[in-house]
Amino acid sequence: RLAKIGPGLLLTAQEREGLKQFHAEMNRRR
């Protein structure tokens, strides 16, 4: 359904890096 989505609605490189950091931070928590 999002095949024709505009680039403004996709994650930026900075936001994607934020997700990677979230992965690492969450997995350090018990």
PDB file of all heavy atoms in Angstrom:
ATOM      1  N   ARG A   1       0.820  -1.216   0.000  1.00  0.00           N
ATOM      2  CA  ARG A   1       0.000   0.000   0.000  1.00  0.00           C
ATOM      3  C   ARG A   1       0.851   1.262   0.000  1.00  0.00           C
ATOM      4  O   ARG A   1       0.362   2.338  -0.336  1.00  0.00           O
ATOM      5  CB  ARG A   1      -0.929   0.010   1.212  1.00  0.00           C
ATOM      6  CG  ARG A   1      -2.089  -0.950   1.077  1.00  0.00           C
ATOM      7  CD  ARG A   1      -3.278  -0.580   1.954  1.00  0.00           C
ATOM      8  NE  ARG A   1      -4.375  -1.489   1.667  1.00  0.00           N
ATOM      9  CZ  ARG A   1      -4.618  -2.616   2.331  1.00  0.00           C
ATOM     10  NH1 ARG A   1      -3.851  -2.924   3.360  1.00  0.00           N
ATOM     11  NH2 ARG A   1      -5.611  -3.409   1.991  1.00  0.00           N
ATOM     12  N   LEU A   2       2.101   1.143   0.389  1.00  0.00           N
ATOM     13  CA  LEU A   2       2.984   2.311   0.445  1.00  0.00           C
ATOM     14  C   LEU A   2       3.975   2.335  -0.716  1.00  0.00           C
ATOM     15  O   LEU A   2       4.987   3.037  -0.656  1.00  0.00           O
ATOM     16  CB  LEU A   2       3.746   2.333   1.776  1.00  0.00           C
ATOM     17  CG  LEU A   2       2.892   2.413   3.050  1.00  0.00           C
ATOM     18  CD1 LEU A   2       3.785   2.404   4.288  1.00  0.00           C
ATOM     19  CD2 LEU A   2       2.010   3.652   3.035  1.00  0.00           C
ATOM     20  N   ALA A   3       3.683   1.590  -1.784  1.00  0.00           N
ATOM     21  CA  ALA A   3       4.637   1.480  -2.899  1.00  0.00           C
ATOM     22  C   ALA A   3       4.963   2.830  -3.523  1.00  0.00           C
ATOM     23  O   ALA A   3       6.078   3.050  -4.006  1.00  0.00           O
ATOM     24  CB  ALA A   3       4.096   0.527  -3.962  1.00  0.00           C
ATOM     25  N   LYS A   4       4.010   3.745  -3.522  1.00  0.00           N
ATOM     26  CA  LYS A   4       4.215   5.060  -4.151  1.00  0.00           C
ATOM     27  C   LYS A   4       4.461   6.152  -3.113  1.00  0.00           C
ATOM     28  O   LYS A   4       4.295   7.336  -3.404  1.00  0.00           O
ATOM     29  CB  LYS A   4       3.002   5.419  -5.003  1.00  0.00           C
ATOM     30  CG  LYS A   4       2.647   4.390  -6.076  1.00  0.00           C
ATOM     31  CD  LYS A   4       3.752   4.226  -7.099  1.00  0.00           C
ATOM     32  CE  LYS A   4       3.343   3.243  -8.197  1.00  0.00           C
ATOM     33  NZ  LYS A   4       4.403   3.060  -9.196  1.00  0.00           N
ATOM     34  N   ILE A   5       4.882   5.771  -1.936  1.00  0.00           N
ATOM     35  CA  ILE A   5       5.096   6.721  -0.853  1.00  0.00           C
ATOM     36  C   ILE A   5       6.193   7.728  -1.220  1.00  0.00           C
ATOM     37  O   ILE A   5       7.158   7.403  -1.919  1.00  0.00           O
ATOM     38  CB  ILE A   5       5.479   5.955   0.442  1.00  0.00           C
ATOM     39  CG1 ILE A   5       5.422   6.869   1.659  1.00  0.00           C
ATOM     40  CG2 ILE A   5       6.866   5.345   0.317  1.00  0.00           C
ATOM     41  CD1 ILE A   5       5.634   6.113   2.975  1.00  0.00           C
ATOM     42  N   GLY A   6       6.042   8.953  -0.736  1.00  0.00           N
ATOM     43  CA  GLY A   6       7.060   9.969  -0.971  1.00  0.00           C
ATOM     44  C   GLY A   6       8.229   9.795  -0.024  1.00  0.00           C
ATOM     45  O   GLY A   6       8.074   9.262   1.085  1.00  0.00           O
ATOM     46  N   PRO A   7       9.424  10.219  -0.423  1.00  0.00           N
ATOM     47  CA  PRO A   7      10.621  10.042   0.413  1.00  0.00           C
ATOM     48  C   PRO A   7      10.525  10.746   1.755  1.00  0.00           C
ATOM     49  O   PRO A   7      11.191  10.345   2.719  1.00  0.00           O
ATOM     50  CB  PRO A   7      11.751  10.622  -0.447  1.00  0.00           C
ATOM     51  CG  PRO A   7      11.077  11.476  -1.466  1.00  0.00           C
ATOM     52  CD  PRO A   7       9.744  10.861  -1.702  1.00  0.00           C
ATOM     53  N   GLY A   8       9.684  11.768   1.866  1.00  0.00           N
ATOM     54  CA  GLY A   8       9.558  12.494   3.117  1.00  0.00           C
ATOM     55  C   GLY A   8       8.939  11.679   4.240  1.00  0.00           C
ATOM     56  O   GLY A   8       9.045  12.057   5.414  1.00  0.00           O
ATOM     57  N   LEU A   9       8.288  10.557   3.909  1.00  0.00           N
ATOM     58  CA  LEU A   9       7.668   9.710   4.923  1.00  0.00           C
ATOM     59  C   LEU A   9       8.552   8.532   5.327  1.00  0.00           C
ATOM     60  O   LEU A   9       8.211   7.787   6.245  1.00  0.00           O
ATOM     61  CB  LEU A   9       6.316   9.188   4.423  1.00  0.00           C
ATOM     62  CG  LEU A   9       5.250  10.266   4.176  1.00  0.00           C
ATOM     63  CD1 LEU A   9       3.977   9.636   3.629  1.00  0.00           C
ATOM     64  CD2 LEU A   9       4.955  11.038   5.453  1.00  0.00           C
ATOM     65  N   LEU A  10       9.675   8.362   4.649  1.00  0.00           N
ATOM     66  CA  LEU A  10      10.613   7.291   4.976  1.00  0.00           C
ATOM     67  C   LEU A  10      11.634   7.782   5.998  1.00  0.00           C
ATOM     68  O   LEU A  10      11.908   8.983   6.095  1.00  0.00           O
ATOM     69  CB  LEU A  10      11.335   6.814   3.717  1.00  0.00           C
ATOM     70  CG  LEU A  10      10.450   6.241   2.614  1.00  0.00           C
ATOM     71  CD1 LEU A  10      11.283   5.944   1.375  1.00  0.00           C
ATOM     72  CD2 LEU A  10       9.736   4.978   3.093  1.00  0.00           C
ATOM     73  N   LEU A  11      12.200   6.866   6.746  1.00  0.00           N
ATOM     74  CA  LEU A  11      13.197   7.227   7.745  1.00  0.00           C
ATOM     75  C   LEU A  11      14.415   7.869   7.083  1.00  0.00           C
ATOM     76  O   LEU A  11      14.857   7.439   6.014  1.00  0.00           O
ATOM     77  CB  LEU A  11      13.641   5.996   8.529  1.00  0.00           C
ATOM     78  CG  LEU A  11      12.916   5.705   9.847  1.00  0.00           C
ATOM     79  CD1 LEU A  11      11.438   5.444   9.601  1.00  0.00           C
ATOM     80  CD2 LEU A  11      13.543   4.515  10.553  1.00  0.00           C
ATOM     81  N   THR A  12      14.956   8.895   7.729  1.00  0.00           N
ATOM     82  CA  THR A  12      16.214   9.475   7.270  1.00  0.00           C
ATOM     83  C   THR A  12      17.365   8.604   7.757  1.00  0.00           C
ATOM     84  O   THR A  12      17.188   7.724   8.610  1.00  0.00           O
ATOM     85  CB  THR A  12      16.395  10.896   7.835  1.00  0.00           C
ATOM     86  OG1 THR A  12      16.496  10.805   9.276  1.00  0.00           O
ATOM     87  CG2 THR A  12      15.221  11.792   7.465  1.00  0.00           C
ATOM     88  N   ALA A  13      18.556   8.844   7.223  1.00  0.00           N
ATOM     89  CA  ALA A  13      19.735   8.091   7.666  1.00  0.00           C
ATOM     90  C   ALA A  13      19.957   8.289   9.162  1.00  0.00           C
ATOM     91  O   ALA A  13      20.306   7.337   9.883  1.00  0.00           O
ATOM     92  CB  ALA A  13      20.959   8.530   6.870  1.00  0.00           C
ATOM     93  N   GLN A  14      19.731   9.508   9.650  1.00  0.00           N
ATOM     94  CA  GLN A  14      19.914   9.798  11.073  1.00  0.00           C
ATOM     95  C   GLN A  14      18.892   9.034  11.920  1.00  0.00           C
ATOM     96  O   GLN A  14      19.228   8.486  12.984  1.00  0.00           O
ATOM     97  CB  GLN A  14      19.788  11.295  11.320  1.00  0.00           C
ATOM     98  CG  GLN A  14      20.056  11.710  12.768  1.00  0.00           C
ATOM     99  CD  GLN A  14      19.994  13.216  12.948  1.00  0.00           C
ATOM    100  OE1 GLN A  14      19.750  13.967  12.000  1.00  0.00           O
ATOM    101  NE2 GLN A  14      20.211  13.680  14.172  1.00  0.00           N
ATOM    102  N   GLU A  15      17.653   8.975  11.447  1.00  0.00           N
ATOM    103  CA  GLU A  15      16.621   8.247  12.192  1.00  0.00           C
ATOM    104  C   GLU A  15      16.892   6.748  12.188  1.00  0.00           C
ATOM    105  O   GLU A  15      16.628   6.056  13.183  1.00  0.00           O
ATOM    106  CB  GLU A  15      15.248   8.555  11.587  1.00  0.00           C
ATOM    107  CG  GLU A  15      14.775   9.970  11.892  1.00  0.00           C
ATOM    108  CD  GLU A  15      13.667  10.450  10.984  1.00  0.00           C
ATOM    109  OE1 GLU A  15      13.435   9.817   9.916  1.00  0.00           O
ATOM    110  OE2 GLU A  15      13.032  11.466  11.312  1.00  0.00           O
ATOM    111  N   ARG A  16      17.430   6.241  11.093  1.00  0.00           N
ATOM    112  CA  ARG A  16      17.790   4.821  11.038  1.00  0.00           C
ATOM    113  C   ARG A  16      18.926   4.518  12.018  1.00  0.00           C
ATOM    114  O   ARG A  16      18.927   3.476  12.675  1.00  0.00           O
ATOM    115  CB  ARG A  16      18.179   4.443   9.607  1.00  0.00           C
ATOM    116  CG  ARG A  16      18.249   2.937   9.373  1.00  0.00           C
ATOM    117  CD  ARG A  16      18.385   2.584   7.912  1.00  0.00           C
ATOM    118  NE  ARG A  16      17.162   2.898   7.180  1.00  0.00           N
ATOM    119  CZ  ARG A  16      17.054   3.875   6.296  1.00  0.00           C
ATOM    120  NH1 ARG A  16      18.092   4.646   6.020  1.00  0.00           N
ATOM    121  NH2 ARG A  16      15.907   4.099   5.688  1.00  0.00           N
ATOM    122  N   GLU A  17      19.889   5.429  12.117  1.00  0.00           N
ATOM    123  CA  GLU A  17      20.965   5.255  13.095  1.00  0.00           C
ATOM    124  C   GLU A  17      20.397   5.281  14.512  1.00  0.00           C
ATOM    125  O   GLU A  17      20.877   4.557  15.398  1.00  0.00           O
ATOM    126  CB  GLU A  17      22.022   6.347  12.929  1.00  0.00           C
ATOM    127  CG  GLU A  17      22.909   6.183  11.707  1.00  0.00           C
ATOM    128  CD  GLU A  17      23.654   4.856  11.690  1.00  0.00           C
ATOM    129  OE1 GLU A  17      24.192   4.468  12.757  1.00  0.00           O
ATOM    130  OE2 GLU A  17      23.673   4.201  10.625  1.00  0.00           O
ATOM    131  N   GLY A  18      19.383   6.116  14.723  1.00  0.00           N
ATOM    132  CA  GLY A  18      18.725   6.144  16.021  1.00  0.00           C
ATOM    133  C   GLY A  18      18.086   4.811  16.373  1.00  0.00           C
ATOM    134  O   GLY A  18      18.136   4.369  17.532  1.00  0.00           O
ATOM    135  N   LEU A  19      17.499   4.141  15.372  1.00  0.00           N
ATOM    136  CA  LEU A  19      16.917   2.816  15.601  1.00  0.00           C
ATOM    137  C   LEU A  19      17.993   1.797  15.978  1.00  0.00           C
ATOM    138  O   LEU A  19      17.787   0.952  16.859  1.00  0.00           O
ATOM    139  CB  LEU A  19      16.188   2.333  14.345  1.00  0.00           C
ATOM    140  CG  LEU A  19      14.742   2.781  14.127  1.00  0.00           C
ATOM    141  CD1 LEU A  19      14.175   2.112  12.884  1.00  0.00           C
ATOM    142  CD2 LEU A  19      13.874   2.458  15.330  1.00  0.00           C
ATOM    143  N   LYS A  20      19.138   1.863  15.312  1.00  0.00           N
ATOM    144  CA  LYS A  20      20.241   0.945  15.642  1.00  0.00           C
ATOM    145  C   LYS A  20      20.716   1.167  17.074  1.00  0.00           C
ATOM    146  O   LYS A  20      21.010   0.212  17.805  1.00  0.00           O
ATOM    147  CB  LYS A  20      21.394   1.137  14.663  1.00  0.00           C
ATOM    148  CG  LYS A  20      21.067   0.798  13.214  1.00  0.00           C
ATOM    149  CD  LYS A  20      22.250   1.141  12.320  1.00  0.00           C
ATOM    150  CE  LYS A  20      21.884   1.036  10.846  1.00  0.00           C
ATOM    151  NZ  LYS A  20      23.014   1.440   9.965  1.00  0.00           N
ATOM    152  N   GLN A  21      20.803   2.418  17.473  1.00  0.00           N
ATOM    153  CA  GLN A  21      21.204   2.744  18.840  1.00  0.00           C
ATOM    154  C   GLN A  21      20.155   2.238  19.831  1.00  0.00           C
ATOM    155  O   GLN A  21      20.494   1.731  20.904  1.00  0.00           O
ATOM    156  CB  GLN A  21      21.397   4.251  18.985  1.00  0.00           C
ATOM    157  CG  GLN A  21      21.967   4.673  20.335  1.00  0.00           C
ATOM    158  CD  GLN A  21      22.216   6.164  20.407  1.00  0.00           C
ATOM    159  OE1 GLN A  21      22.172   6.873  19.406  1.00  0.00           O
ATOM    160  NE2 GLN A  21      22.476   6.660  21.605  1.00  0.00           N
ATOM    161  N   PHE A  22      18.882   2.360  19.464  1.00  0.00           N
ATOM    162  CA  PHE A  22      17.786   1.854  20.303  1.00  0.00           C
ATOM    163  C   PHE A  22      17.938   0.344  20.504  1.00  0.00           C
ATOM    164  O   PHE A  22      17.756  -0.160  21.622  1.00  0.00           O
ATOM    165  CB  PHE A  22      16.455   2.183  19.632  1.00  0.00           C
ATOM    166  CG  PHE A  22      15.237   1.720  20.374  1.00  0.00           C
ATOM    167  CD1 PHE A  22      14.728   2.455  21.435  1.00  0.00           C
ATOM    168  CD2 PHE A  22      14.584   0.550  20.002  1.00  0.00           C
ATOM    169  CE1 PHE A  22      13.596   2.037  22.112  1.00  0.00           C
ATOM    170  CE2 PHE A  22      13.452   0.120  20.678  1.00  0.00           C
ATOM    171  CZ  PHE A  22      12.955   0.868  21.738  1.00  0.00           C
ATOM    172  N   HIS A  23      18.266  -0.374  19.437  1.00  0.00           N
ATOM    173  CA  HIS A  23      18.506  -1.824  19.503  1.00  0.00           C
ATOM    174  C   HIS A  23      19.563  -2.127  20.568  1.00  0.00           C
ATOM    175  O   HIS A  23      19.367  -2.987  21.440  1.00  0.00           O
ATOM    176  CB  HIS A  23      18.963  -2.316  18.122  1.00  0.00           C
ATOM    177  CG  HIS A  23      19.431  -3.733  18.083  1.00  0.00           C
ATOM    178  ND1 HIS A  23      18.714  -4.740  17.465  1.00  0.00           N
ATOM    179  CD2 HIS A  23      20.552  -4.333  18.548  1.00  0.00           C
ATOM    180  CE1 HIS A  23      19.371  -5.878  17.564  1.00  0.00           C
ATOM    181  NE2 HIS A  23      20.498  -5.657  18.222  1.00  0.00           N
ATOM    182  N   ALA A  24      20.695  -1.428  20.488  1.00  0.00           N
ATOM    183  CA  ALA A  24      21.796  -1.690  21.415  1.00  0.00           C
ATOM    184  C   ALA A  24      21.415  -1.332  22.850  1.00  0.00           C
ATOM    185  O   ALA A  24      21.696  -2.092  23.795  1.00  0.00           O
ATOM    186  CB  ALA A  24      23.035  -0.905  20.983  1.00  0.00           C
ATOM    187  N   GLU A  25      20.765  -0.193  23.034  1.00  0.00           N
ATOM    188  CA  GLU A  25      20.407   0.263  24.379  1.00  0.00           C
ATOM    189  C   GLU A  25      19.399  -0.676  25.035  1.00  0.00           C
ATOM    190  O   GLU A  25      19.536  -1.027  26.215  1.00  0.00           O
ATOM    191  CB  GLU A  25      19.834   1.682  24.313  1.00  0.00           C
ATOM    192  CG  GLU A  25      20.878   2.742  23.991  1.00  0.00           C
ATOM    193  CD  GLU A  25      20.256   4.114  23.798  1.00  0.00           C
ATOM    194  OE1 GLU A  25      18.998   4.213  23.790  1.00  0.00           O
ATOM    195  OE2 GLU A  25      21.018   5.085  23.643  1.00  0.00           O
ATOM    196  N   MET A  26      18.370  -1.085  24.292  1.00  0.00           N
ATOM    197  CA  MET A  26      17.357  -1.974  24.858  1.00  0.00           C
ATOM    198  C   MET A  26      17.968  -3.324  25.251  1.00  0.00           C
ATOM    199  O   MET A  26      17.603  -3.902  26.281  1.00  0.00           O
ATOM    200  CB  MET A  26      16.220  -2.192  23.858  1.00  0.00           C
ATOM    201  CG  MET A  26      15.331  -0.984  23.622  1.00  0.00           C
ATOM    202  SD  MET A  26      14.344  -0.485  25.065  1.00  0.00           S
ATOM    203  CE  MET A  26      15.249   0.988  25.558  1.00  0.00           C
ATOM    204  N   ASN A  27      18.886  -3.823  24.443  1.00  0.00           N
ATOM    205  CA  ASN A  27      19.456  -5.136  24.717  1.00  0.00           C
ATOM    206  C   ASN A  27      20.489  -5.126  25.837  1.00  0.00           C
ATOM    207  O   ASN A  27      20.939  -6.192  26.279  1.00  0.00           O
ATOM    208  CB  ASN A  27      20.056  -5.730  23.435  1.00  0.00           C
ATOM    209  CG  ASN A  27      18.988  -6.212  22.486  1.00  0.00           C
ATOM    210  OD1 ASN A  27      17.898  -6.605  22.914  1.00  0.00           O
ATOM    211  ND2 ASN A  27      19.263  -6.187  21.197  1.00  0.00           N
ATOM    212  N   ARG A  28      20.848  -3.946  26.321  1.00  0.00           N
ATOM    213  CA  ARG A  28      21.703  -3.860  27.510  1.00  0.00           C
ATOM    214  C   ARG A  28      20.869  -3.856  28.796  1.00  0.00           C
ATOM    215  O   ARG A  28      21.414  -3.975  29.894  1.00  0.00           O
ATOM    216  CB  ARG A  28      22.574  -2.596  27.459  1.00  0.00           C
ATOM    217  CG  ARG A  28      23.741  -2.696  26.493  1.00  0.00           C
ATOM    218  CD  ARG A  28      24.754  -1.593  26.729  1.00  0.00           C
ATOM    219  NE  ARG A  28      24.252  -0.289  26.341  1.00  0.00           N
ATOM    220  CZ  ARG A  28      24.432   0.264  25.142  1.00  0.00           C
ATOM    221  NH1 ARG A  28      25.120  -0.398  24.216  1.00  0.00           N
ATOM    222  NH2 ARG A  28      23.954   1.466  24.856  1.00  0.00           N
ATOM    223  N   ARG A  29      19.564  -3.725  28.644  1.00  0.00           N
ATOM    224  CA  ARG A  29      18.691  -3.650  29.807  1.00  0.00           C
ATOM    225  C   ARG A  29      18.091  -5.018  30.141  1.00  0.00           C
ATOM    226  O   ARG A  29      17.838  -5.834  29.258  1.00  0.00           O
ATOM    227  CB  ARG A  29      17.580  -2.625  29.556  1.00  0.00           C
ATOM    228  CG  ARG A  29      18.106  -1.209  29.540  1.00  0.00           C
ATOM    229  CD  ARG A  29      17.110  -0.210  29.027  1.00  0.00           C
ATOM    230  NE  ARG A  29      15.790  -0.300  29.651  1.00  0.00           N
ATOM    231  CZ  ARG A  29      14.820   0.577  29.424  1.00  0.00           C
ATOM    232  NH1 ARG A  29      15.018   1.603  28.603  1.00  0.00           N
ATOM    233  NH2 ARG A  29      13.649   0.428  29.997  1.00  0.00           N
ATOM    234  N   ARG A  30      17.835  -5.242  31.418  1.00  0.00           N
ATOM    235  CA  ARG A  30      17.293  -6.523  31.866  1.00  0.00           C
ATOM    236  C   ARG A  30      15.784  -6.465  32.102  1.00  0.00           C
ATOM    237  O   ARG A  30      15.163  -7.493  32.345  1.00  0.00           O
ATOM    238  CB  ARG A  30      17.996  -6.957  33.150  1.00  0.00           C
ATOM    239  CG  ARG A  30      19.503  -7.112  32.993  1.00  0.00           C
ATOM    240  CD  ARG A  30      20.164  -7.543  34.280  1.00  0.00           C
ATOM    241  NE  ARG A  30      19.754  -8.874  34.703  1.00  0.00           N
ATOM    242  CZ  ARG A  30      20.183  -9.465  35.809  1.00  0.00           C
ATOM    243  NH1 ARG A  30      21.029  -8.846  36.602  1.00  0.00           N
ATOM    244  NH2 ARG A  30      19.762 -10.684  36.123  1.00  0.00           N
TER     245      ARG A  30
END
